[in-house]
Amino acid sequence: MVRIGAIVLSTTDTERAGAFWSEALGYDRGPNPDFLAPRGDGPTRLHLDRTDRTHLDLWVDSAEEQRAEVERLVSLGAERIEWDYPDDADFVVLADPTGTLFCVVDAGR
């Protein structure tokens, strides 16, 4: 089942943004301070990034589920996007029907 695993927030200052958003949302900063995780059982983390655009990361639990969800989302109107993927990519980049990019991530890796 696909779920929002992370919201990637584009920011010019991850330190200041992290300090603000961790307090505003009650999130904890992890070993990598650019990743903020909810306290307790909350599923969605916040990823602060200087180089990436703001987008959703949708998580699934396996490569098989990733393939199925990508196909399901494409059948709903999403489009596959040409992307320069790293060799070990655990994500697939799609665009919704209005062109907004998002990723489907195999979080089981």
PDB file of N, CA and C in Angstrom:
ATOM      1  N   MET A   1       0.847  -1.177   0.000  1.00  0.00           N
ATOM      2  CA  MET A   1       0.000   0.000   0.000  1.00  0.00           C
ATOM      3  C   MET A   1       0.893   1.241   0.000  1.00  0.00           C
ATOM      4  N   VAL A   2       0.685   2.106  -0.945  1.00  0.00           N
ATOM      5  CA  VAL A   2       1.482   3.323  -1.046  1.00  0.00           C
ATOM      6  C   VAL A   2       1.060   4.296   0.057  1.00  0.00           C
ATOM      7  N   ARG A   3       2.049   5.016   0.588  1.00  0.00           N
ATOM      8  CA  ARG A   3       1.787   5.988   1.656  1.00  0.00           C
ATOM      9  C   ARG A   3       2.762   7.142   1.519  1.00  0.00           C
ATOM     10  N   ILE A   4       2.423   8.294   2.059  1.00  0.00           N
ATOM     11  CA  ILE A   4       3.368   9.406   2.056  1.00  0.00           C
ATOM     12  C   ILE A   4       4.422   9.095   3.105  1.00  0.00           C
ATOM     13  N   GLY A   5       5.640   8.878   2.649  1.00  0.00           N
ATOM     14  CA  GLY A   5       6.735   8.569   3.565  1.00  0.00           C
ATOM     15  C   GLY A   5       7.522   9.800   3.946  1.00  0.00           C
ATOM     16  N   ALA A   6       7.654  10.732   2.995  1.00  0.00           N
ATOM     17  CA  ALA A   6       8.413  11.946   3.264  1.00  0.00           C
ATOM     18  C   ALA A   6       7.919  13.074   2.383  1.00  0.00           C
ATOM     19  N   ILE A   7       8.014  14.245   2.921  1.00  0.00           N
ATOM     20  CA  ILE A   7       7.826  15.463   2.152  1.00  0.00           C
ATOM     21  C   ILE A   7       9.207  16.086   2.036  1.00  0.00           C
ATOM     22  N   VAL A   8       9.664  16.275   0.809  1.00  0.00           N
ATOM     23  CA  VAL A   8      10.971  16.881   0.564  1.00  0.00           C
ATOM     24  C   VAL A   8      10.732  18.380   0.417  1.00  0.00           C
ATOM     25  N   LEU A   9      11.360  19.158   1.278  1.00  0.00           N
ATOM     26  CA  LEU A   9      11.157  20.599   1.307  1.00  0.00           C
ATOM     27  C   LEU A   9      12.426  21.301   0.848  1.00  0.00           C
ATOM     28  N   SER A  10      12.322  22.013  -0.251  1.00  0.00           N
ATOM     29  CA  SER A  10      13.459  22.775  -0.760  1.00  0.00           C
ATOM     30  C   SER A  10      13.687  23.984   0.128  1.00  0.00           C
ATOM     31  N   THR A  11      14.926  24.174   0.553  1.00  0.00           N
ATOM     32  CA  THR A  11      15.258  25.292   1.433  1.00  0.00           C
ATOM     33  C   THR A  11      16.707  25.710   1.204  1.00  0.00           C
ATOM     34  N   THR A  12      16.996  26.980   1.406  1.00  0.00           N
ATOM     35  CA  THR A  12      18.367  27.455   1.234  1.00  0.00           C
ATOM     36  C   THR A  12      19.205  27.271   2.488  1.00  0.00           C
ATOM     37  N   ASP A  13      18.569  27.040   3.640  1.00  0.00           N
ATOM     38  CA  ASP A  13      19.280  26.904   4.906  1.00  0.00           C
ATOM     39  C   ASP A  13      18.661  25.758   5.698  1.00  0.00           C
ATOM     40  N   THR A  14      19.227  24.561   5.558  1.00  0.00           N
ATOM     41  CA  THR A  14      18.646  23.401   6.221  1.00  0.00           C
ATOM     42  C   THR A  14      18.764  23.481   7.740  1.00  0.00           C
ATOM     43  N   GLU A  15      19.794  24.141   8.237  1.00  0.00           N
ATOM     44  CA  GLU A  15      19.958  24.266   9.694  1.00  0.00           C
ATOM     45  C   GLU A  15      18.826  25.102  10.296  1.00  0.00           C
ATOM     46  N   ARG A  16      18.590  26.270   9.743  1.00  0.00           N
ATOM     47  CA  ARG A  16      17.515  27.136  10.257  1.00  0.00           C
ATOM     48  C   ARG A  16      16.145  26.506  10.035  1.00  0.00           C
ATOM     49  N   ALA A  17      15.933  25.944   8.852  1.00  0.00           N
ATOM     50  CA  ALA A  17      14.654  25.298   8.568  1.00  0.00           C
ATOM     51  C   ALA A  17      14.436  24.111   9.496  1.00  0.00           C
ATOM     52  N   GLY A  18      15.494  23.332   9.737  1.00  0.00           N
ATOM     53  CA  GLY A  18      15.382  22.180  10.628  1.00  0.00           C
ATOM     54  C   GLY A  18      15.038  22.582  12.048  1.00  0.00           C
ATOM     55  N   ALA A  19      15.682  23.634  12.542  1.00  0.00           N
ATOM     56  CA  ALA A  19      15.379  24.118  13.886  1.00  0.00           C
ATOM     57  C   ALA A  19      13.916  24.547  13.982  1.00  0.00           C
ATOM     58  N   PHE A  20      13.445  25.273  12.970  1.00  0.00           N
ATOM     59  CA  PHE A  20      12.066  25.745  12.978  1.00  0.00           C
ATOM     60  C   PHE A  20      11.079  24.588  12.879  1.00  0.00           C
ATOM     61  N   TRP A  21      11.230  23.741  11.827  1.00  0.00           N
ATOM     62  CA  TRP A  21      10.234  22.707  11.577  1.00  0.00           C
ATOM     63  C   TRP A  21      10.235  21.624  12.646  1.00  0.00           C
ATOM     64  N   SER A  22      11.381  21.330  13.246  1.00  0.00           N
ATOM     65  CA  SER A  22      11.385  20.324  14.310  1.00  0.00           C
ATOM     66  C   SER A  22      10.563  20.808  15.502  1.00  0.00           C
ATOM     67  N   GLU A  23      10.678  22.080  15.834  1.00  0.00           N
ATOM     68  CA  GLU A  23       9.876  22.636  16.929  1.00  0.00           C
ATOM     69  C   GLU A  23       8.414  22.816  16.523  1.00  0.00           C
ATOM     70  N   ALA A  24       8.187  23.325  15.319  1.00  0.00           N
ATOM     71  CA  ALA A  24       6.814  23.592  14.865  1.00  0.00           C
ATOM     72  C   ALA A  24       5.986  22.309  14.788  1.00  0.00           C
ATOM     73  N   LEU A  25       6.608  21.219  14.335  1.00  0.00           N
ATOM     74  CA  LEU A  25       5.875  19.966  14.134  1.00  0.00           C
ATOM     75  C   LEU A  25       6.059  18.957  15.260  1.00  0.00           C
ATOM     76  N   GLY A  26       6.973  19.246  16.195  1.00  0.00           N
ATOM     77  CA  GLY A  26       7.265  18.275  17.241  1.00  0.00           C
ATOM     78  C   GLY A  26       8.021  17.075  16.701  1.00  0.00           C
ATOM     79  N   TYR A  27       8.894  17.304  15.713  1.00  0.00           N
ATOM     80  CA  TYR A  27       9.687  16.247  15.094  1.00  0.00           C
ATOM     81  C   TYR A  27      11.076  16.215  15.716  1.00  0.00           C
ATOM     82  N   ASP A  28      11.723  15.059  15.631  1.00  0.00           N
ATOM     83  CA  ASP A  28      13.095  14.901  16.095  1.00  0.00           C
ATOM     84  C   ASP A  28      14.035  14.931  14.904  1.00  0.00           C
ATOM     85  N   ARG A  29      15.172  15.554  15.086  1.00  0.00           N
ATOM     86  CA  ARG A  29      16.206  15.533  14.051  1.00  0.00           C
ATOM     87  C   ARG A  29      17.036  14.275  14.246  1.00  0.00           C
ATOM     88  N   GLY A  30      17.297  13.589  13.139  1.00  0.00           N
ATOM     89  CA  GLY A  30      18.009  12.318  13.210  1.00  0.00           C
ATOM     90  C   GLY A  30      19.505  12.503  13.130  1.00  0.00           C
ATOM     91  N   PRO A  31      20.238  11.396  12.970  1.00  0.00           N
ATOM     92  CA  PRO A  31      21.688  11.461  12.805  1.00  0.00           C
ATOM     93  C   PRO A  31      22.077  12.371  11.637  1.00  0.00           C
ATOM     94  N   ASN A  32      21.284  12.337  10.578  1.00  0.00           N
ATOM     95  CA  ASN A  32      21.415  13.326   9.509  1.00  0.00           C
ATOM     96  C   ASN A  32      20.410  14.418   9.842  1.00  0.00           C
ATOM     97  N   PRO A  33      20.875  15.605  10.260  1.00  0.00           N
ATOM     98  CA  PRO A  33      19.942  16.637  10.735  1.00  0.00           C
ATOM     99  C   PRO A  33      19.010  17.182   9.658  1.00  0.00           C
ATOM    100  N   ASP A  34      19.214  16.787   8.399  1.00  0.00           N
ATOM    101  CA  ASP A  34      18.304  17.217   7.336  1.00  0.00           C
ATOM    102  C   ASP A  34      17.070  16.324   7.249  1.00  0.00           C
ATOM    103  N   PHE A  35      17.029  15.263   8.056  1.00  0.00           N
ATOM    104  CA  PHE A  35      15.866  14.379   8.101  1.00  0.00           C
ATOM    105  C   PHE A  35      15.190  14.546   9.445  1.00  0.00           C
ATOM    106  N   LEU A  36      13.938  14.966   9.427  1.00  0.00           N
ATOM    107  CA  LEU A  36      13.159  15.141  10.644  1.00  0.00           C
ATOM    108  C   LEU A  36      12.087  14.066  10.688  1.00  0.00           C
ATOM    109  N   ALA A  37      11.982  13.390  11.824  1.00  0.00           N
ATOM    110  CA  ALA A  37      11.016  12.303  11.967  1.00  0.00           C
ATOM    111  C   ALA A  37      10.038  12.636  13.078  1.00  0.00           C
ATOM    112  N   PRO A  38       8.779  12.250  12.889  1.00  0.00           N
ATOM    113  CA  PRO A  38       7.791  12.510  13.926  1.00  0.00           C
ATOM    114  C   PRO A  38       8.115  11.732  15.185  1.00  0.00           C
ATOM    115  N   ARG A  39       7.796  12.326  16.327  1.00  0.00           N
ATOM    116  CA  ARG A  39       7.944  11.608  17.593  1.00  0.00           C
ATOM    117  C   ARG A  39       6.817  10.602  17.685  1.00  0.00           C
ATOM    118  N   GLY A  40       7.112   9.423  18.162  1.00  0.00           N
ATOM    119  CA  GLY A  40       6.078   8.398  18.261  1.00  0.00           C
ATOM    120  C   GLY A  40       5.944   7.620  16.960  1.00  0.00           C
ATOM    121  N   ASP A  41       4.717   7.316  16.587  1.00  0.00           N
ATOM    122  CA  ASP A  41       4.461   6.426  15.459  1.00  0.00           C
ATOM    123  C   ASP A  41       4.093   7.131  14.164  1.00  0.00           C
ATOM    124  N   GLY A  42       4.282   8.427  14.074  1.00  0.00           N
ATOM    125  CA  GLY A  42       3.893   9.136  12.860  1.00  0.00           C
ATOM    126  C   GLY A  42       4.634   8.633  11.643  1.00  0.00           C
ATOM    127  N   PRO A  43       3.950   8.492  10.520  1.00  0.00           N
ATOM    128  CA  PRO A  43       4.567   7.874   9.358  1.00  0.00           C
ATOM    129  C   PRO A  43       5.348   8.810   8.440  1.00  0.00           C
ATOM    130  N   THR A  44       5.055  10.087   8.442  1.00  0.00           N
ATOM    131  CA  THR A  44       5.624  10.979   7.438  1.00  0.00           C
ATOM    132  C   THR A  44       6.773  11.784   8.014  1.00  0.00           C
ATOM    133  N   ARG A  45       7.926  11.699   7.354  1.00  0.00           N
ATOM    134  CA  ARG A  45       9.060  12.499   7.809  1.00  0.00           C
ATOM    135  C   ARG A  45       9.226  13.695   6.875  1.00  0.00           C
ATOM    136  N   LEU A  46      10.029  14.645   7.303  1.00  0.00           N
ATOM    137  CA  LEU A  46      10.335  15.842   6.524  1.00  0.00           C
ATOM    138  C   LEU A  46      11.806  15.791   6.161  1.00  0.00           C
ATOM    139  N   HIS A  47      12.100  15.921   4.886  1.00  0.00           N
ATOM    140  CA  HIS A  47      13.472  15.899   4.388  1.00  0.00           C
ATOM    141  C   HIS A  47      13.791  17.298   3.859  1.00  0.00           C
ATOM    142  N   LEU A  48      14.764  17.950   4.441  1.00  0.00           N
ATOM    143  CA  LEU A  48      15.178  19.297   4.030  1.00  0.00           C
ATOM    144  C   LEU A  48      16.306  19.165   3.018  1.00  0.00           C
ATOM    145  N   ASP A  49      16.200  19.875   1.914  1.00  0.00           N
ATOM    146  CA  ASP A  49      17.160  19.688   0.832  1.00  0.00           C
ATOM    147  C   ASP A  49      17.469  21.011   0.154  1.00  0.00           C
ATOM    148  N   ARG A  50      18.757  21.304  -0.030  1.00  0.00           N
ATOM    149  CA  ARG A  50      19.178  22.550  -0.687  1.00  0.00           C
ATOM    150  C   ARG A  50      19.104  22.467  -2.204  1.00  0.00           C
ATOM    151  N   THR A  51      19.148  21.262  -2.771  1.00  0.00           N
ATOM    152  CA  THR A  51      19.270  21.142  -4.223  1.00  0.00           C
ATOM    153  C   THR A  51      18.027  20.572  -4.908  1.00  0.00           C
ATOM    154  N   ASP A  52      17.160  19.930  -4.178  1.00  0.00           N
ATOM    155  CA  ASP A  52      15.992  19.283  -4.778  1.00  0.00           C
ATOM    156  C   ASP A  52      14.779  20.199  -4.682  1.00  0.00           C
ATOM    157  N   ARG A  53      13.794  19.958  -5.529  1.00  0.00           N
ATOM    158  CA  ARG A  53      12.559  20.737  -5.458  1.00  0.00           C
ATOM    159  C   ARG A  53      11.616  20.105  -4.440  1.00  0.00           C
ATOM    160  N   THR A  54      10.654  20.878  -3.967  1.00  0.00           N
ATOM    161  CA  THR A  54       9.668  20.367  -3.030  1.00  0.00           C
ATOM    162  C   THR A  54       8.804  19.327  -3.740  1.00  0.00           C
ATOM    163  N   HIS A  55       8.653  18.152  -3.108  1.00  0.00           N
ATOM    164  CA  HIS A  55       7.836  17.085  -3.681  1.00  0.00           C
ATOM    165  C   HIS A  55       7.495  16.042  -2.625  1.00  0.00           C
ATOM    166  N   LEU A  56       6.567  15.156  -2.960  1.00  0.00           N
ATOM    167  CA  LEU A  56       6.213  14.040  -2.093  1.00  0.00           C
ATOM    168  C   LEU A  56       7.042  12.816  -2.450  1.00  0.00           C
ATOM    169  N   ASP A  57       7.440  12.066  -1.435  1.00  0.00           N
ATOM    170  CA  ASP A  57       7.997  10.735  -1.621  1.00  0.00           C
ATOM    171  C   ASP A  57       6.942   9.752  -1.128  1.00  0.00           C
ATOM    172  N   LEU A  58       6.426   8.941  -2.044  1.00  0.00           N
ATOM    173  CA  LEU A  58       5.464   7.906  -1.684  1.00  0.00           C
ATOM    174  C   LEU A  58       6.236   6.621  -1.459  1.00  0.00           C
ATOM    175  N   TRP A  59       6.033   5.985  -0.313  1.00  0.00           N
ATOM    176  CA  TRP A  59       6.794   4.793   0.058  1.00  0.00           C
ATOM    177  C   TRP A  59       5.967   3.532  -0.130  1.00  0.00           C
ATOM    178  N   VAL A  60       6.657   2.492  -0.555  1.00  0.00           N
ATOM    179  CA  VAL A  60       6.122   1.137  -0.604  1.00  0.00           C
ATOM    180  C   VAL A  60       7.159   0.229   0.052  1.00  0.00           C
ATOM    181  N   ASP A  61       6.791  -1.033   0.259  1.00  0.00           N
ATOM    182  CA  ASP A  61       7.653  -1.924   1.044  1.00  0.00           C
ATOM    183  C   ASP A  61       8.535  -2.870   0.251  1.00  0.00           C
ATOM    184  N   SER A  62       8.387  -2.906  -1.081  1.00  0.00           N
ATOM    185  CA  SER A  62       9.192  -3.848  -1.863  1.00  0.00           C
ATOM    186  C   SER A  62       9.276  -3.385  -3.310  1.00  0.00           C
ATOM    187  N   ALA A  63      10.213  -3.962  -4.039  1.00  0.00           N
ATOM    188  CA  ALA A  63      10.353  -3.649  -5.465  1.00  0.00           C
ATOM    189  C   ALA A  63       9.114  -4.085  -6.237  1.00  0.00           C
ATOM    190  N   GLU A  64       8.542  -5.217  -5.871  1.00  0.00           N
ATOM    191  CA  GLU A  64       7.324  -5.705  -6.531  1.00  0.00           C
ATOM    192  C   GLU A  64       6.170  -4.726  -6.316  1.00  0.00           C
ATOM    193  N   GLU A  65       6.022  -4.280  -5.089  1.00  0.00           N
ATOM    194  CA  GLU A  65       4.965  -3.310  -4.786  1.00  0.00           C
ATOM    195  C   GLU A  65       5.222  -1.985  -5.507  1.00  0.00           C
ATOM    196  N   GLN A  66       6.490  -1.606  -5.613  1.00  0.00           N
ATOM    197  CA  GLN A  66       6.836  -0.380  -6.324  1.00  0.00           C
ATOM    198  C   GLN A  66       6.391  -0.463  -7.783  1.00  0.00           C
ATOM    199  N   ARG A  67       6.720  -1.571  -8.441  1.00  0.00           N
ATOM    200  CA  ARG A  67       6.309  -1.754  -9.839  1.00  0.00           C
ATOM    201  C   ARG A  67       4.792  -1.675  -9.980  1.00  0.00           C
ATOM    202  N   ALA A  68       4.073  -2.350  -9.085  1.00  0.00           N
ATOM    203  CA  ALA A  68       2.609  -2.354  -9.147  1.00  0.00           C
ATOM    204  C   ALA A  68       2.028  -0.962  -8.915  1.00  0.00           C
ATOM    205  N   GLU A  69       2.572  -0.231  -7.953  1.00  0.00           N
ATOM    206  CA  GLU A  69       2.057   1.109  -7.656  1.00  0.00           C
ATOM    207  C   GLU A  69       2.370   2.081  -8.786  1.00  0.00           C
ATOM    208  N   VAL A  70       3.555   1.982  -9.367  1.00  0.00           N
ATOM    209  CA  VAL A  70       3.882   2.852 -10.499  1.00  0.00           C
ATOM    210  C   VAL A  70       2.885   2.606 -11.622  1.00  0.00           C
ATOM    211  N   GLU A  71       2.610   1.355 -11.931  1.00  0.00           N
ATOM    212  CA  GLU A  71       1.644   1.038 -12.987  1.00  0.00           C
ATOM    213  C   GLU A  71       0.252   1.544 -12.627  1.00  0.00           C
ATOM    214  N   ARG A  72      -0.150   1.380 -11.367  1.00  0.00           N
ATOM    215  CA  ARG A  72      -1.465   1.859 -10.925  1.00  0.00           C
ATOM    216  C   ARG A  72      -1.560   3.368 -11.070  1.00  0.00           C
ATOM    217  N   LEU A  73      -0.515   4.080 -10.643  1.00  0.00           N
ATOM    218  CA  LEU A  73      -0.522   5.543 -10.716  1.00  0.00           C
ATOM    219  C   LEU A  73      -0.515   6.030 -12.159  1.00  0.00           C
ATOM    220  N   VAL A  74       0.225   5.332 -13.018  1.00  0.00           N
ATOM    221  CA  VAL A  74       0.221   5.668 -14.445  1.00  0.00           C
ATOM    222  C   VAL A  74      -1.190   5.462 -15.015  1.00  0.00           C
ATOM    223  N   SER A  75      -1.861   4.404 -14.595  1.00  0.00           N
ATOM    224  CA  SER A  75      -3.219   4.155 -15.090  1.00  0.00           C
ATOM    225  C   SER A  75      -4.196   5.229 -14.617  1.00  0.00           C
ATOM    226  N   LEU A  76      -3.849   5.907 -13.526  1.00  0.00           N
ATOM    227  CA  LEU A  76      -4.690   6.995 -13.013  1.00  0.00           C
ATOM    228  C   LEU A  76      -4.377   8.341 -13.676  1.00  0.00           C
ATOM    229  N   GLY A  77      -3.323   8.382 -14.498  1.00  0.00           N
ATOM    230  CA  GLY A  77      -2.994   9.617 -15.202  1.00  0.00           C
ATOM    231  C   GLY A  77      -1.596  10.153 -14.954  1.00  0.00           C
ATOM    232  N   ALA A  78      -0.815   9.507 -14.078  1.00  0.00           N
ATOM    233  CA  ALA A  78       0.573   9.937 -13.867  1.00  0.00           C
ATOM    234  C   ALA A  78       1.402   9.594 -15.102  1.00  0.00           C
ATOM    235  N   GLU A  79       2.519  10.271 -15.255  1.00  0.00           N
ATOM    236  CA  GLU A  79       3.444   9.995 -16.358  1.00  0.00           C
ATOM    237  C   GLU A  79       4.817   9.663 -15.811  1.00  0.00           C
ATOM    238  N   ARG A  80       5.483   8.711 -16.468  1.00  0.00           N
ATOM    239  CA  ARG A  80       6.886   8.432 -16.143  1.00  0.00           C
ATOM    240  C   ARG A  80       7.728   9.603 -16.653  1.00  0.00           C
ATOM    241  N   ILE A  81       8.705   9.996 -15.894  1.00  0.00           N
ATOM    242  CA  ILE A  81       9.563  11.127 -16.231  1.00  0.00           C
ATOM    243  C   ILE A  81      10.967  10.613 -16.541  1.00  0.00           C
ATOM    244  N   GLU A  82      11.548  11.099 -17.633  1.00  0.00           N
ATOM    245  CA  GLU A  82      12.948  10.798 -17.915  1.00  0.00           C
ATOM    246  C   GLU A  82      13.782  11.416 -16.796  1.00  0.00           C
ATOM    247  N   TRP A  83      14.684  10.631 -16.214  1.00  0.00           N
ATOM    248  CA  TRP A  83      15.456  11.105 -15.067  1.00  0.00           C
ATOM    249  C   TRP A  83      16.835  10.494 -15.128  1.00  0.00           C
ATOM    250  N   ASP A  84      17.820  11.190 -14.639  1.00  0.00           N
ATOM    251  CA  ASP A  84      19.177  10.672 -14.547  1.00  0.00           C
ATOM    252  C   ASP A  84      19.297   9.947 -13.203  1.00  0.00           C
ATOM    253  N   TYR A  85      18.968   8.657 -13.195  1.00  0.00           N
ATOM    254  CA  TYR A  85      18.951   7.871 -11.966  1.00  0.00           C
ATOM    255  C   TYR A  85      20.346   7.387 -11.597  1.00  0.00           C
ATOM    256  N   PRO A  86      20.685   7.405 -10.299  1.00  0.00           N
ATOM    257  CA  PRO A  86      21.931   6.764  -9.878  1.00  0.00           C
ATOM    258  C   PRO A  86      21.795   5.251 -10.044  1.00  0.00           C
ATOM    259  N   ASP A  87      22.915   4.539 -10.088  1.00  0.00           N
ATOM    260  CA  ASP A  87      22.900   3.086 -10.287  1.00  0.00           C
ATOM    261  C   ASP A  87      22.096   2.353  -9.216  1.00  0.00           C
ATOM    262  N   ASP A  88      22.112   2.854  -7.997  1.00  0.00           N
ATOM    263  CA  ASP A  88      21.432   2.177  -6.889  1.00  0.00           C
ATOM    264  C   ASP A  88      20.096   2.828  -6.528  1.00  0.00           C
ATOM    265  N   ALA A  89      19.450   3.461  -7.490  1.00  0.00           N
ATOM    266  CA  ALA A  89      18.205   4.194  -7.224  1.00  0.00           C
ATOM    267  C   ALA A  89      17.139   3.278  -6.635  1.00  0.00           C
ATOM    268  N   ASP A  90      16.510   3.748  -5.565  1.00  0.00           N
ATOM    269  CA  ASP A  90      15.392   3.032  -4.957  1.00  0.00           C
ATOM    270  C   ASP A  90      14.076   3.762  -5.236  1.00  0.00           C
ATOM    271  N   PHE A  91      14.084   4.688  -6.184  1.00  0.00           N
ATOM    272  CA  PHE A  91      12.917   5.526  -6.455  1.00  0.00           C
ATOM    273  C   PHE A  91      12.633   5.597  -7.954  1.00  0.00           C
ATOM    274  N   VAL A  92      11.379   5.899  -8.265  1.00  0.00           N
ATOM    275  CA  VAL A  92      10.933   6.146  -9.630  1.00  0.00           C
ATOM    276  C   VAL A  92      10.269   7.519  -9.623  1.00  0.00           C
ATOM    277  N   VAL A  93      10.636   8.371 -10.579  1.00  0.00           N
ATOM    278  CA  VAL A  93      10.073   9.716 -10.659  1.00  0.00           C
ATOM    279  C   VAL A  93       8.886   9.707 -11.612  1.00  0.00           C
ATOM    280  N   LEU A  94       7.770  10.234 -11.124  1.00  0.00           N
ATOM    281  CA  LEU A  94       6.558  10.375 -11.912  1.00  0.00           C
ATOM    282  C   LEU A  94       6.081  11.823 -11.823  1.00  0.00           C
ATOM    283  N   ALA A  95       5.164  12.169 -12.708  1.00  0.00           N
ATOM    284  CA  ALA A  95       4.481  13.471 -12.632  1.00  0.00           C
ATOM    285  C   ALA A  95       2.992  13.208 -12.599  1.00  0.00           C
ATOM    286  N   ASP A  96       2.282  13.981 -11.779  1.00  0.00           N
ATOM    287  CA  ASP A  96       0.826  13.854 -11.758  1.00  0.00           C
ATOM    288  C   ASP A  96       0.250  14.483 -13.030  1.00  0.00           C
ATOM    289  N   PRO A  97      -1.044  14.413 -13.250  1.00  0.00           N
ATOM    290  CA  PRO A  97      -1.614  14.937 -14.495  1.00  0.00           C
ATOM    291  C   PRO A  97      -1.388  16.434 -14.730  1.00  0.00           C
ATOM    292  N   THR A  98      -1.024  17.184 -13.687  1.00  0.00           N
ATOM    293  CA  THR A  98      -0.747  18.611 -13.862  1.00  0.00           C
ATOM    294  C   THR A  98       0.738  18.904 -13.981  1.00  0.00           C
ATOM    295  N   GLY A  99       1.586  17.855 -13.950  1.00  0.00           N
ATOM    296  CA  GLY A  99       3.023  18.036 -14.101  1.00  0.00           C
ATOM    297  C   GLY A  99       3.807  18.105 -12.810  1.00  0.00           C
ATOM    298  N   THR A 100       3.148  17.987 -11.661  1.00  0.00           N
ATOM    299  CA  THR A 100       3.845  18.017 -10.377  1.00  0.00           C
ATOM    300  C   THR A 100       4.599  16.707 -10.176  1.00  0.00           C
ATOM    301  N   LEU A 101       5.904  16.821  -9.932  1.00  0.00           N
ATOM    302  CA  LEU A 101       6.735  15.630  -9.754  1.00  0.00           C
ATOM    303  C   LEU A 101       6.544  15.015  -8.376  1.00  0.00           C
ATOM    304  N   PHE A 102       6.686  13.691  -8.320  1.00  0.00           N
ATOM    305  CA  PHE A 102       6.718  12.960  -7.060  1.00  0.00           C
ATOM    306  C   PHE A 102       7.497  11.680  -7.284  1.00  0.00           C
ATOM    307  N   CYS A 103       7.900  11.025  -6.209  1.00  0.00           N
ATOM    308  CA  CYS A 103       8.686   9.797  -6.304  1.00  0.00           C
ATOM    309  C   CYS A 103       7.939   8.642  -5.640  1.00  0.00           C
ATOM    310  N   VAL A 104       8.121   7.462  -6.195  1.00  0.00           N
ATOM    311  CA  VAL A 104       7.679   6.225  -5.563  1.00  0.00           C
ATOM    312  C   VAL A 104       8.942   5.510  -5.122  1.00  0.00           C
ATOM    313  N   VAL A 105       9.107   5.363  -3.805  1.00  0.00           N
ATOM    314  CA  VAL A 105      10.351   4.866  -3.214  1.00  0.00           C
ATOM    315  C   VAL A 105      10.141   3.472  -2.646  1.00  0.00           C
ATOM    316  N   ASP A 106      11.053   2.562  -2.966  1.00  0.00           N
ATOM    317  CA  ASP A 106      11.068   1.236  -2.350  1.00  0.00           C
ATOM    318  C   ASP A 106      11.743   1.383  -0.987  1.00  0.00           C
ATOM    319  N   ALA A 107      10.942   1.618   0.044  1.00  0.00           N
ATOM    320  CA  ALA A 107      11.470   1.843   1.394  1.00  0.00           C
ATOM    321  C   ALA A 107      11.934   0.536   2.042  1.00  0.00           C
ATOM    322  N   GLY A 108      11.662  -0.588   1.405  1.00  0.00           N
ATOM    323  CA  GLY A 108      12.104  -1.866   1.943  1.00  0.00           C
ATOM    324  C   GLY A 108      13.568  -2.150   1.692  1.00  0.00           C
ATOM    325  N   ARG A 109      14.219  -1.322   0.868  1.00  0.00           N
ATOM    326  CA  ARG A 109      15.633  -1.547   0.574  1.00  0.00           C
ATOM    327  C   ARG A 109      16.482  -1.064   1.675  1.00  0.00           C
TER     328      ARG A 109
END
